Amino acid sequence: MKIPHPGELHQLVEIGRTVHEINENGFPVETEQVICQVWAKAEDCDSRYFTSGDAENTERGIWFTIRWRNDVQPGMWVLWNGQKQVITEIGEYDFKRRYLRLTTKVVKGVR
């Protein structure tokens, strides 16, 4: 993989996680917690159509390249262009802790 140039990180994204809490009435509630806002490079990695049950779905994968952060983990989400993408995999570029490549997926129902 080619090391990205800092000028290629021109998409502002939010990285966060979904926190499960108990409200004052004792019911479980999901809340969104934003961890950080970072500049990223977005690249298309794969897209596909598939059928699950009786519905057709689309799955889109996007790679986000960001500066190194040690608080980003798989299972968190990236908010980009108003759409949440779930982080499925985290990879490094050269083991010098300069950049991270986040592999994300989003699944939508077509019909």
PDB file of N, CA and C in Angstrom:
ATOM      1  N   MET A   1       0.830  -1.176   0.000  1.00  0.00           N
ATOM      2  CA  MET A   1       0.000   0.000   0.000  1.00  0.00           C
ATOM      3  C   MET A   1       0.879   1.245   0.000  1.00  0.00           C
ATOM      4  N   LYS A   2       0.440   2.215  -0.744  1.00  0.00           N
ATOM      5  CA  LYS A   2       1.155   3.488  -0.824  1.00  0.00           C
ATOM      6  C   LYS A   2       0.768   4.347   0.376  1.00  0.00           C
ATOM      7  N   ILE A   3       1.763   4.953   0.993  1.00  0.00           N
ATOM      8  CA  ILE A   3       1.517   5.832   2.129  1.00  0.00           C
ATOM      9  C   ILE A   3       0.788   7.072   1.611  1.00  0.00           C
ATOM     10  N   PRO A   4      -0.332   7.456   2.225  1.00  0.00           N
ATOM     11  CA  PRO A   4      -1.061   8.626   1.735  1.00  0.00           C
ATOM     12  C   PRO A   4      -0.333   9.932   2.053  1.00  0.00           C
ATOM     13  N   HIS A   5      -0.578  10.905   1.217  1.00  0.00           N
ATOM     14  CA  HIS A   5      -0.069  12.258   1.441  1.00  0.00           C
ATOM     15  C   HIS A   5      -1.078  12.972   2.339  1.00  0.00           C
ATOM     16  N   PRO A   6      -0.625  13.786   3.300  1.00  0.00           N
ATOM     17  CA  PRO A   6      -1.580  14.466   4.185  1.00  0.00           C
ATOM     18  C   PRO A   6      -2.617  15.313   3.450  1.00  0.00           C
ATOM     19  N   GLY A   7      -2.296  15.821   2.260  1.00  0.00           N
ATOM     20  CA  GLY A   7      -3.246  16.619   1.498  1.00  0.00           C
ATOM     21  C   GLY A   7      -4.400  15.811   0.933  1.00  0.00           C
ATOM     22  N   GLU A   8      -4.273  14.475   0.922  1.00  0.00           N
ATOM     23  CA  GLU A   8      -5.352  13.617   0.429  1.00  0.00           C
ATOM     24  C   GLU A   8      -6.459  13.432   1.465  1.00  0.00           C
ATOM     25  N   LEU A   9      -6.203  13.784   2.709  1.00  0.00           N
ATOM     26  CA  LEU A   9      -7.203  13.647   3.774  1.00  0.00           C
ATOM     27  C   LEU A   9      -8.076  14.899   3.781  1.00  0.00           C
ATOM     28  N   HIS A  10      -9.100  14.925   2.923  1.00  0.00           N
ATOM     29  CA  HIS A  10      -9.911  16.136   2.785  1.00  0.00           C
ATOM     30  C   HIS A  10     -11.396  15.909   3.043  1.00  0.00           C
ATOM     31  N   GLN A  11     -11.780  14.759   3.585  1.00  0.00           N
ATOM     32  CA  GLN A  11     -13.176  14.492   3.958  1.00  0.00           C
ATOM     33  C   GLN A  11     -13.284  14.560   5.481  1.00  0.00           C
ATOM     34  N   LEU A  12     -14.144  15.428   5.997  1.00  0.00           N
ATOM     35  CA  LEU A  12     -14.334  15.527   7.439  1.00  0.00           C
ATOM     36  C   LEU A  12     -15.365  14.491   7.870  1.00  0.00           C
ATOM     37  N   VAL A  13     -14.962  13.566   8.738  1.00  0.00           N
ATOM     38  CA  VAL A  13     -15.852  12.497   9.206  1.00  0.00           C
ATOM     39  C   VAL A  13     -15.882  12.495  10.726  1.00  0.00           C
ATOM     40  N   GLU A  14     -16.941  11.901  11.273  1.00  0.00           N
ATOM     41  CA  GLU A  14     -17.045  11.684  12.712  1.00  0.00           C
ATOM     42  C   GLU A  14     -16.916  10.199  12.987  1.00  0.00           C
ATOM     43  N   ILE A  15     -16.183   9.862  14.021  1.00  0.00           N
ATOM     44  CA  ILE A  15     -16.061   8.473  14.452  1.00  0.00           C
ATOM     45  C   ILE A  15     -16.685   8.377  15.836  1.00  0.00           C
ATOM     46  N   GLY A  16     -17.535   7.388  16.018  1.00  0.00           N
ATOM     47  CA  GLY A  16     -18.216   7.249  17.301  1.00  0.00           C
ATOM     48  C   GLY A  16     -18.605   5.819  17.573  1.00  0.00           C
ATOM     49  N   ARG A  17     -19.343   5.653  18.652  1.00  0.00           N
ATOM     50  CA  ARG A  17     -19.823   4.321  19.024  1.00  0.00           C
ATOM     51  C   ARG A  17     -21.229   4.424  19.593  1.00  0.00           C
ATOM     52  N   THR A  18     -21.916   3.306  19.572  1.00  0.00           N
ATOM     53  CA  THR A  18     -23.255   3.212  20.145  1.00  0.00           C
ATOM     54  C   THR A  18     -23.119   2.655  21.549  1.00  0.00           C
ATOM     55  N   VAL A  19     -23.642   3.387  22.530  1.00  0.00           N
ATOM     56  CA  VAL A  19     -23.541   3.005  23.937  1.00  0.00           C
ATOM     57  C   VAL A  19     -24.921   2.551  24.403  1.00  0.00           C
ATOM     58  N   HIS A  20     -24.959   1.400  25.059  1.00  0.00           N
ATOM     59  CA  HIS A  20     -26.211   0.871  25.607  1.00  0.00           C
ATOM     60  C   HIS A  20     -26.268   1.243  27.089  1.00  0.00           C
ATOM     61  N   GLU A  21     -27.302   1.999  27.445  1.00  0.00           N
ATOM     62  CA  GLU A  21     -27.466   2.462  28.818  1.00  0.00           C
ATOM     63  C   GLU A  21     -28.860   2.107  29.322  1.00  0.00           C
ATOM     64  N   ILE A  22     -29.046   2.231  30.602  1.00  0.00           N
ATOM     65  CA  ILE A  22     -30.351   2.033  31.234  1.00  0.00           C
ATOM     66  C   ILE A  22     -30.862   3.422  31.630  1.00  0.00           C
ATOM     67  N   ASN A  23     -32.086   3.763  31.171  1.00  0.00           N
ATOM     68  CA  ASN A  23     -32.625   5.084  31.510  1.00  0.00           C
ATOM     69  C   ASN A  23     -33.213   5.083  32.918  1.00  0.00           C
ATOM     70  N   GLU A  24     -33.780   6.215  33.337  1.00  0.00           N
ATOM     71  CA  GLU A  24     -34.293   6.350  34.706  1.00  0.00           C
ATOM     72  C   GLU A  24     -35.490   5.438  34.987  1.00  0.00           C
ATOM     73  N   ASN A  25     -36.152   4.941  33.941  1.00  0.00           N
ATOM     74  CA  ASN A  25     -37.280   4.018  34.119  1.00  0.00           C
ATOM     75  C   ASN A  25     -36.851   2.552  34.093  1.00  0.00           C
ATOM     76  N   GLY A  26     -35.561   2.300  33.890  1.00  0.00           N
ATOM     77  CA  GLY A  26     -35.052   0.938  33.890  1.00  0.00           C
ATOM     78  C   GLY A  26     -35.058   0.259  32.530  1.00  0.00           C
ATOM     79  N   PHE A  27     -35.321   1.003  31.465  1.00  0.00           N
ATOM     80  CA  PHE A  27     -35.358   0.425  30.123  1.00  0.00           C
ATOM     81  C   PHE A  27     -34.026   0.661  29.408  1.00  0.00           C
ATOM     82  N   PRO A  28     -33.597  -0.300  28.596  1.00  0.00           N
ATOM     83  CA  PRO A  28     -32.357  -0.095  27.843  1.00  0.00           C
ATOM     84  C   PRO A  28     -32.551   0.939  26.731  1.00  0.00           C
ATOM     85  N   VAL A  29     -31.570   1.813  26.576  1.00  0.00           N
ATOM     86  CA  VAL A  29     -31.614   2.872  25.584  1.00  0.00           C
ATOM     87  C   VAL A  29     -30.263   2.916  24.867  1.00  0.00           C
ATOM     88  N   GLU A  30     -30.304   3.053  23.541  1.00  0.00           N
ATOM     89  CA  GLU A  30     -29.081   3.225  22.764  1.00  0.00           C
ATOM     90  C   GLU A  30     -28.820   4.706  22.579  1.00  0.00           C
ATOM     91  N   THR A  31     -27.602   5.142  22.879  1.00  0.00           N
ATOM     92  CA  THR A  31     -27.210   6.527  22.654  1.00  0.00           C
ATOM     93  C   THR A  31     -25.947   6.539  21.797  1.00  0.00           C
ATOM     94  N   GLU A  32     -25.812   7.569  21.010  1.00  0.00           N
ATOM     95  CA  GLU A  32     -24.661   7.717  20.126  1.00  0.00           C
ATOM     96  C   GLU A  32     -23.632   8.613  20.813  1.00  0.00           C
ATOM     97  N   GLN A  33     -22.387   8.159  20.850  1.00  0.00           N
ATOM     98  CA  GLN A  33     -21.312   8.918  21.472  1.00  0.00           C
ATOM     99  C   GLN A  33     -20.237   9.175  20.420  1.00  0.00           C
ATOM    100  N   VAL A  34     -20.010  10.439  20.093  1.00  0.00           N
ATOM    101  CA  VAL A  34     -18.985  10.808  19.116  1.00  0.00           C
ATOM    102  C   VAL A  34     -17.640  10.828  19.826  1.00  0.00           C
ATOM    103  N   ILE A  35     -16.690  10.065  19.284  1.00  0.00           N
ATOM    104  CA  ILE A  35     -15.349   9.996  19.862  1.00  0.00           C
ATOM    105  C   ILE A  35     -14.480  11.125  19.329  1.00  0.00           C
ATOM    106  N   CYS A  36     -14.528  11.368  18.004  1.00  0.00           N
ATOM    107  CA  CYS A  36     -13.667  12.390  17.410  1.00  0.00           C
ATOM    108  C   CYS A  36     -14.195  12.794  16.037  1.00  0.00           C
ATOM    109  N   GLN A  37     -13.731  13.942  15.580  1.00  0.00           N
ATOM    110  CA  GLN A  37     -13.911  14.395  14.206  1.00  0.00           C
ATOM    111  C   GLN A  37     -12.529  14.444  13.592  1.00  0.00           C
ATOM    112  N   VAL A  38     -12.347  13.763  12.458  1.00  0.00           N
ATOM    113  CA  VAL A  38     -11.026  13.684  11.837  1.00  0.00           C
ATOM    114  C   VAL A  38     -11.151  13.917  10.341  1.00  0.00           C
ATOM    115  N   TRP A  39     -10.024  14.274   9.730  1.00  0.00           N
ATOM    116  CA  TRP A  39      -9.947  14.374   8.284  1.00  0.00           C
ATOM    117  C   TRP A  39      -9.568  13.011   7.742  1.00  0.00           C
ATOM    118  N   ALA A  40     -10.222  12.594   6.666  1.00  0.00           N
ATOM    119  CA  ALA A  40     -10.022  11.252   6.127  1.00  0.00           C
ATOM    120  C   ALA A  40     -10.012  11.280   4.605  1.00  0.00           C
ATOM    121  N   LYS A  41      -9.475  10.210   4.049  1.00  0.00           N
ATOM    122  CA  LYS A  41      -9.543   9.952   2.614  1.00  0.00           C
ATOM    123  C   LYS A  41     -10.506   8.791   2.443  1.00  0.00           C
ATOM    124  N   ALA A  42     -11.487   8.927   1.560  1.00  0.00           N
ATOM    125  CA  ALA A  42     -12.482   7.880   1.332  1.00  0.00           C
ATOM    126  C   ALA A  42     -12.241   7.233  -0.025  1.00  0.00           C
ATOM    127  N   GLU A  43     -12.227   5.888  -0.040  1.00  0.00           N
ATOM    128  CA  GLU A  43     -12.050   5.120  -1.279  1.00  0.00           C
ATOM    129  C   GLU A  43     -13.071   3.996  -1.305  1.00  0.00           C
ATOM    130  N   ASP A  44     -13.611   3.722  -2.467  1.00  0.00           N
ATOM    131  CA  ASP A  44     -14.551   2.606  -2.626  1.00  0.00           C
ATOM    132  C   ASP A  44     -13.758   1.310  -2.643  1.00  0.00           C
ATOM    133  N   CYS A  45     -14.157   0.331  -1.819  1.00  0.00           N
ATOM    134  CA  CYS A  45     -13.417  -0.939  -1.824  1.00  0.00           C
ATOM    135  C   CYS A  45     -14.231  -2.075  -2.435  1.00  0.00           C
ATOM    136  N   ASP A  46     -15.524  -2.163  -2.158  1.00  0.00           N
ATOM    137  CA  ASP A  46     -16.347  -3.190  -2.808  1.00  0.00           C
ATOM    138  C   ASP A  46     -17.825  -2.873  -2.605  1.00  0.00           C
ATOM    139  N   SER A  47     -18.619  -3.351  -3.542  1.00  0.00           N
ATOM    140  CA  SER A  47     -20.071  -3.199  -3.470  1.00  0.00           C
ATOM    141  C   SER A  47     -20.695  -4.460  -4.031  1.00  0.00           C
ATOM    142  N   ARG A  48     -21.863  -4.830  -3.513  1.00  0.00           N
ATOM    143  CA  ARG A  48     -22.523  -6.025  -4.027  1.00  0.00           C
ATOM    144  C   ARG A  48     -24.010  -5.981  -3.720  1.00  0.00           C
ATOM    145  N   TYR A  49     -24.778  -6.745  -4.491  1.00  0.00           N
ATOM    146  CA  TYR A  49     -26.193  -6.980  -4.246  1.00  0.00           C
ATOM    147  C   TYR A  49     -26.334  -8.401  -3.738  1.00  0.00           C
ATOM    148  N   PHE A  50     -27.225  -8.610  -2.772  1.00  0.00           N
ATOM    149  CA  PHE A  50     -27.494  -9.963  -2.318  1.00  0.00           C
ATOM    150  C   PHE A  50     -28.932 -10.056  -1.829  1.00  0.00           C
ATOM    151  N   THR A  51     -29.438 -11.285  -1.790  1.00  0.00           N
ATOM    152  CA  THR A  51     -30.799 -11.526  -1.337  1.00  0.00           C
ATOM    153  C   THR A  51     -30.744 -12.184   0.029  1.00  0.00           C
ATOM    154  N   SER A  52     -31.482 -11.621   0.965  1.00  0.00           N
ATOM    155  CA  SER A  52     -31.565 -12.167   2.305  1.00  0.00           C
ATOM    156  C   SER A  52     -33.039 -12.363   2.628  1.00  0.00           C
ATOM    157  N   GLY A  53     -33.444 -13.612   2.726  1.00  0.00           N
ATOM    158  CA  GLY A  53     -34.855 -13.890   2.922  1.00  0.00           C
ATOM    159  C   GLY A  53     -35.609 -13.554   1.657  1.00  0.00           C
ATOM    160  N   ASP A  54     -36.552 -12.630   1.753  1.00  0.00           N
ATOM    161  CA  ASP A  54     -37.344 -12.229   0.602  1.00  0.00           C
ATOM    162  C   ASP A  54     -37.013 -10.805   0.152  1.00  0.00           C
ATOM    163  N   ALA A  55     -35.904 -10.268   0.642  1.00  0.00           N
ATOM    164  CA  ALA A  55     -35.562  -8.879   0.329  1.00  0.00           C
ATOM    165  C   ALA A  55     -34.214  -8.805  -0.384  1.00  0.00           C
ATOM    166  N   GLU A  56     -34.114  -7.863  -1.296  1.00  0.00           N
ATOM    167  CA  GLU A  56     -32.840  -7.599  -1.957  1.00  0.00           C
ATOM    168  C   GLU A  56     -32.136  -6.472  -1.210  1.00  0.00           C
ATOM    169  N   ASN A  57     -30.852  -6.647  -0.994  1.00  0.00           N
ATOM    170  CA  ASN A  57     -30.066  -5.680  -0.245  1.00  0.00           C
ATOM    171  C   ASN A  57     -28.829  -5.279  -1.035  1.00  0.00           C
ATOM    172  N   THR A  58     -28.305  -4.115  -0.704  1.00  0.00           N
ATOM    173  CA  THR A  58     -27.012  -3.700  -1.248  1.00  0.00           C
ATOM    174  C   THR A  58     -26.053  -3.551  -0.082  1.00  0.00           C
ATOM    175  N   GLU A  59     -24.814  -3.919  -0.316  1.00  0.00           N
ATOM    176  CA  GLU A  59     -23.770  -3.755   0.680  1.00  0.00           C
ATOM    177  C   GLU A  59     -22.654  -2.950   0.032  1.00  0.00           C
ATOM    178  N   ARG A  60     -22.254  -1.899   0.686  1.00  0.00           N
ATOM    179  CA  ARG A  60     -21.202  -1.043   0.141  1.00  0.00           C
ATOM    180  C   ARG A  60     -20.065  -0.956   1.143  1.00  0.00           C
ATOM    181  N   GLY A  61     -18.866  -1.187   0.661  1.00  0.00           N
ATOM    182  CA  GLY A  61     -17.687  -1.085   1.506  1.00  0.00           C
ATOM    183  C   GLY A  61     -16.854   0.115   1.112  1.00  0.00           C
ATOM    184  N   ILE A  62     -16.375   0.825   2.100  1.00  0.00           N
ATOM    185  CA  ILE A  62     -15.547   2.008   1.862  1.00  0.00           C
ATOM    186  C   ILE A  62     -14.331   1.934   2.786  1.00  0.00           C
ATOM    187  N   TRP A  63     -13.159   2.283   2.238  1.00  0.00           N
ATOM    188  CA  TRP A  63     -11.957   2.430   3.043  1.00  0.00           C
ATOM    189  C   TRP A  63     -11.814   3.892   3.431  1.00  0.00           C
ATOM    190  N   PHE A  64     -11.576   4.134   4.701  1.00  0.00           N
ATOM    191  CA  PHE A  64     -11.249   5.474   5.190  1.00  0.00           C
ATOM    192  C   PHE A  64      -9.831   5.446   5.716  1.00  0.00           C
ATOM    193  N   THR A  65      -9.009   6.366   5.250  1.00  0.00           N
ATOM    194  CA  THR A  65      -7.648   6.502   5.751  1.00  0.00           C
ATOM    195  C   THR A  65      -7.617   7.726   6.644  1.00  0.00           C
ATOM    196  N   ILE A  66      -7.156   7.539   7.877  1.00  0.00           N
ATOM    197  CA  ILE A  66      -7.081   8.633   8.850  1.00  0.00           C
ATOM    198  C   ILE A  66      -5.691   8.627   9.486  1.00  0.00           C
ATOM    199  N   ARG A  67      -5.368   9.707  10.168  1.00  0.00           N
ATOM    200  CA  ARG A  67      -4.143   9.738  10.971  1.00  0.00           C
ATOM    201  C   ARG A  67      -4.298   8.746  12.118  1.00  0.00           C
ATOM    202  N   TRP A  68      -3.187   8.243  12.624  1.00  0.00           N
ATOM    203  CA  TRP A  68      -3.182   7.220  13.666  1.00  0.00           C
ATOM    204  C   TRP A  68      -3.929   7.693  14.917  1.00  0.00           C
ATOM    205  N   ARG A  69      -4.785   6.831  15.420  1.00  0.00           N
ATOM    206  CA  ARG A  69      -5.472   7.038  16.699  1.00  0.00           C
ATOM    207  C   ARG A  69      -5.526   5.679  17.380  1.00  0.00           C
ATOM    208  N   ASN A  70      -5.299   5.643  18.674  1.00  0.00           N
ATOM    209  CA  ASN A  70      -5.357   4.365  19.370  1.00  0.00           C
ATOM    210  C   ASN A  70      -6.717   4.087  20.001  1.00  0.00           C
ATOM    211  N   ASP A  71      -7.663   5.008  19.875  1.00  0.00           N
ATOM    212  CA  ASP A  71      -8.977   4.805  20.482  1.00  0.00           C
ATOM    213  C   ASP A  71     -10.044   4.355  19.483  1.00  0.00           C
ATOM    214  N   VAL A  72      -9.667   4.031  18.256  1.00  0.00           N
ATOM    215  CA  VAL A  72     -10.619   3.555  17.244  1.00  0.00           C
ATOM    216  C   VAL A  72     -10.574   2.025  17.225  1.00  0.00           C
ATOM    217  N   GLN A  73     -11.770   1.401  17.269  1.00  0.00           N
ATOM    218  CA  GLN A  73     -11.862  -0.054  17.334  1.00  0.00           C
ATOM    219  C   GLN A  73     -12.923  -0.557  16.364  1.00  0.00           C
ATOM    220  N   PRO A  74     -12.811  -1.821  15.929  1.00  0.00           N
ATOM    221  CA  PRO A  74     -13.890  -2.403  15.114  1.00  0.00           C
ATOM    222  C   PRO A  74     -15.199  -2.401  15.895  1.00  0.00           C
ATOM    223  N   GLY A  75     -16.303  -2.203  15.191  1.00  0.00           N
ATOM    224  CA  GLY A  75     -17.610  -2.119  15.824  1.00  0.00           C
ATOM    225  C   GLY A  75     -18.081  -0.686  15.996  1.00  0.00           C
ATOM    226  N   MET A  76     -17.156   0.260  15.954  1.00  0.00           N
ATOM    227  CA  MET A  76     -17.534   1.672  15.996  1.00  0.00           C
ATOM    228  C   MET A  76     -18.085   2.053  14.626  1.00  0.00           C
ATOM    229  N   TRP A  77     -18.533   3.295  14.469  1.00  0.00           N
ATOM    230  CA  TRP A  77     -19.082   3.742  13.193  1.00  0.00           C
ATOM    231  C   TRP A  77     -18.398   5.025  12.739  1.00  0.00           C
ATOM    232  N   VAL A  78     -18.484   5.238  11.425  1.00  0.00           N
ATOM    233  CA  VAL A  78     -17.982   6.461  10.793  1.00  0.00           C
ATOM    234  C   VAL A  78     -19.179   7.153  10.164  1.00  0.00           C
ATOM    235  N   LEU A  79     -19.398   8.411  10.505  1.00  0.00           N
ATOM    236  CA  LEU A  79     -20.474   9.206   9.908  1.00  0.00           C
ATOM    237  C   LEU A  79     -19.865  10.047   8.795  1.00  0.00           C
ATOM    238  N   TRP A  80     -20.301   9.760   7.567  1.00  0.00           N
ATOM    239  CA  TRP A  80     -19.766  10.441   6.380  1.00  0.00           C
ATOM    240  C   TRP A  80     -20.911  10.696   5.420  1.00  0.00           C
ATOM    241  N   ASN A  81     -21.073  11.930   4.987  1.00  0.00           N
ATOM    242  CA  ASN A  81     -22.170  12.341   4.099  1.00  0.00           C
ATOM    243  C   ASN A  81     -23.532  11.960   4.667  1.00  0.00           C
ATOM    244  N   GLY A  82     -23.698  12.062   5.969  1.00  0.00           N
ATOM    245  CA  GLY A  82     -24.972  11.770   6.610  1.00  0.00           C
ATOM    246  C   GLY A  82     -25.303  10.294   6.723  1.00  0.00           C
ATOM    247  N   GLN A  83     -24.350   9.424   6.463  1.00  0.00           N
ATOM    248  CA  GLN A  83     -24.593   7.979   6.485  1.00  0.00           C
ATOM    249  C   GLN A  83     -23.599   7.309   7.425  1.00  0.00           C
ATOM    250  N   LYS A  84     -24.117   6.423   8.286  1.00  0.00           N
ATOM    251  CA  LYS A  84     -23.250   5.705   9.213  1.00  0.00           C
ATOM    252  C   LYS A  84     -22.723   4.434   8.574  1.00  0.00           C
ATOM    253  N   GLN A  85     -21.424   4.265   8.649  1.00  0.00           N
ATOM    254  CA  GLN A  85     -20.738   3.080   8.144  1.00  0.00           C
ATOM    255  C   GLN A  85     -20.131   2.376   9.356  1.00  0.00           C
ATOM    256  N   VAL A  86     -20.326   1.074   9.491  1.00  0.00           N
ATOM    257  CA  VAL A  86     -19.792   0.313  10.618  1.00  0.00           C
ATOM    258  C   VAL A  86     -18.365  -0.136  10.291  1.00  0.00           C
ATOM    259  N   ILE A  87     -17.444   0.108  11.207  1.00  0.00           N
ATOM    260  CA  ILE A  87     -16.044  -0.288  11.020  1.00  0.00           C
ATOM    261  C   ILE A  87     -15.936  -1.789  11.245  1.00  0.00           C
ATOM    262  N   THR A  88     -15.466  -2.514  10.226  1.00  0.00           N
ATOM    263  CA  THR A  88     -15.322  -3.965  10.332  1.00  0.00           C
ATOM    264  C   THR A  88     -13.876  -4.405  10.508  1.00  0.00           C
ATOM    265  N   GLU A  89     -12.942  -3.583  10.075  1.00  0.00           N
ATOM    266  CA  GLU A  89     -11.537  -3.974  10.136  1.00  0.00           C
ATOM    267  C   GLU A  89     -10.665  -2.729  10.210  1.00  0.00           C
ATOM    268  N   ILE A  90      -9.561  -2.837  10.938  1.00  0.00           N
ATOM    269  CA  ILE A  90      -8.600  -1.735  11.055  1.00  0.00           C
ATOM    270  C   ILE A  90      -7.236  -2.253  10.644  1.00  0.00           C
ATOM    271  N   GLY A  91      -6.577  -1.535   9.733  1.00  0.00           N
ATOM    272  CA  GLY A  91      -5.246  -1.931   9.275  1.00  0.00           C
ATOM    273  C   GLY A  91      -4.281  -0.773   9.343  1.00  0.00           C
ATOM    274  N   GLU A  92      -3.000  -1.111   9.488  1.00  0.00           N
ATOM    275  CA  GLU A  92      -1.944  -0.103   9.511  1.00  0.00           C
ATOM    276  C   GLU A  92      -1.260  -0.052   8.158  1.00  0.00           C
ATOM    277  N   TYR A  93      -0.522   1.008   7.918  1.00  0.00           N
ATOM    278  CA  TYR A  93       0.205   1.144   6.665  1.00  0.00           C
ATOM    279  C   TYR A  93       1.638   0.635   6.786  1.00  0.00           C
ATOM    280  N   ASP A  94       2.371   1.061   7.800  1.00  0.00           N
ATOM    281  CA  ASP A  94       3.786   0.698   7.858  1.00  0.00           C
ATOM    282  C   ASP A  94       4.292   0.443   9.274  1.00  0.00           C
ATOM    283  N   PHE A  95       3.429   0.227  10.210  1.00  0.00           N
ATOM    284  CA  PHE A  95       3.779  -0.065  11.607  1.00  0.00           C
ATOM    285  C   PHE A  95       4.550   1.057  12.289  1.00  0.00           C
ATOM    286  N   LYS A  96       4.476   2.262  11.734  1.00  0.00           N
ATOM    287  CA  LYS A  96       5.103   3.419  12.375  1.00  0.00           C
ATOM    288  C   LYS A  96       4.060   4.308  13.030  1.00  0.00           C
ATOM    289  N   ARG A  97       2.825   3.836  13.068  1.00  0.00           N
ATOM    290  CA  ARG A  97       1.720   4.549  13.720  1.00  0.00           C
ATOM    291  C   ARG A  97       1.529   5.952  13.158  1.00  0.00           C
ATOM    292  N   ARG A  98       1.458   6.025  11.826  1.00  0.00           N
ATOM    293  CA  ARG A  98       1.193   7.299  11.171  1.00  0.00           C
ATOM    294  C   ARG A  98      -0.216   7.358  10.612  1.00  0.00           C
ATOM    295  N   TYR A  99      -0.701   6.256  10.006  1.00  0.00           N
ATOM    296  CA  TYR A  99      -2.015   6.226   9.381  1.00  0.00           C
ATOM    297  C   TYR A  99      -2.729   4.918   9.714  1.00  0.00           C
ATOM    298  N   LEU A 100      -4.059   4.982   9.709  1.00  0.00           N
ATOM    299  CA  LEU A 100      -4.911   3.805   9.859  1.00  0.00           C
ATOM    300  C   LEU A 100      -5.804   3.698   8.636  1.00  0.00           C
ATOM    301  N   ARG A 101      -6.078   2.476   8.207  1.00  0.00           N
ATOM    302  CA  ARG A 101      -7.067   2.246   7.154  1.00  0.00           C
ATOM    303  C   ARG A 101      -8.252   1.533   7.796  1.00  0.00           C
ATOM    304  N   LEU A 102      -9.404   2.200   7.777  1.00  0.00           N
ATOM    305  CA  LEU A 102     -10.634   1.655   8.345  1.00  0.00           C
ATOM    306  C   LEU A 102     -11.468   1.062   7.222  1.00  0.00           C
ATOM    307  N   THR A 103     -11.783  -0.215   7.309  1.00  0.00           N
ATOM    308  CA  THR A 103     -12.676  -0.855   6.347  1.00  0.00           C
ATOM    309  C   THR A 103     -14.077  -0.807   6.937  1.00  0.00           C
ATOM    310  N   THR A 104     -15.017  -0.236   6.201  1.00  0.00           N
ATOM    311  CA  THR A 104     -16.382  -0.076   6.709  1.00  0.00           C
ATOM    312  C   THR A 104     -17.381  -0.715   5.760  1.00  0.00           C
ATOM    313  N   LYS A 105     -18.550  -1.049   6.297  1.00  0.00           N
ATOM    314  CA  LYS A 105     -19.640  -1.630   5.514  1.00  0.00           C
ATOM    315  C   LYS A 105     -20.947  -0.956   5.923  1.00  0.00           C
ATOM    316  N   VAL A 106     -21.829  -0.800   4.948  1.00  0.00           N
ATOM    317  CA  VAL A 106     -23.195  -0.356   5.205  1.00  0.00           C
ATOM    318  C   VAL A 106     -24.120  -1.199   4.338  1.00  0.00           C
ATOM    319  N   VAL A 107     -25.217  -1.678   4.925  1.00  0.00           N
ATOM    320  CA  VAL A 107     -26.169  -2.525   4.203  1.00  0.00           C
ATOM    321  C   VAL A 107     -27.490  -1.787   4.152  1.00  0.00           C
ATOM    322  N   LYS A 108     -28.087  -1.729   2.951  1.00  0.00           N
ATOM    323  CA  LYS A 108     -29.385  -1.078   2.755  1.00  0.00           C
ATOM    324  C   LYS A 108     -30.329  -2.025   2.038  1.00  0.00           C
ATOM    325  N   GLY A 109     -31.596  -1.977   2.393  1.00  0.00           N
ATOM    326  CA  GLY A 109     -32.602  -2.740   1.676  1.00  0.00           C
ATOM    327  C   GLY A 109     -33.011  -2.030   0.402  1.00  0.00           C
ATOM    328  N   VAL A 110     -33.051  -2.785  -0.701  1.00  0.00           N
ATOM    329  CA  VAL A 110     -33.436  -2.199  -1.978  1.00  0.00           C
ATOM    330  C   VAL A 110     -34.953  -2.248  -2.129  1.00  0.00           C
ATOM    331  N   ARG A 111     -35.535  -3.424  -1.887  1.00  0.00           N
ATOM    332  CA  ARG A 111     -36.989  -3.542  -1.891  1.00  0.00           C
ATOM    333  C   ARG A 111     -37.443  -4.631  -0.975  1.00  0.00           C
TER     334      ARG A 111
END
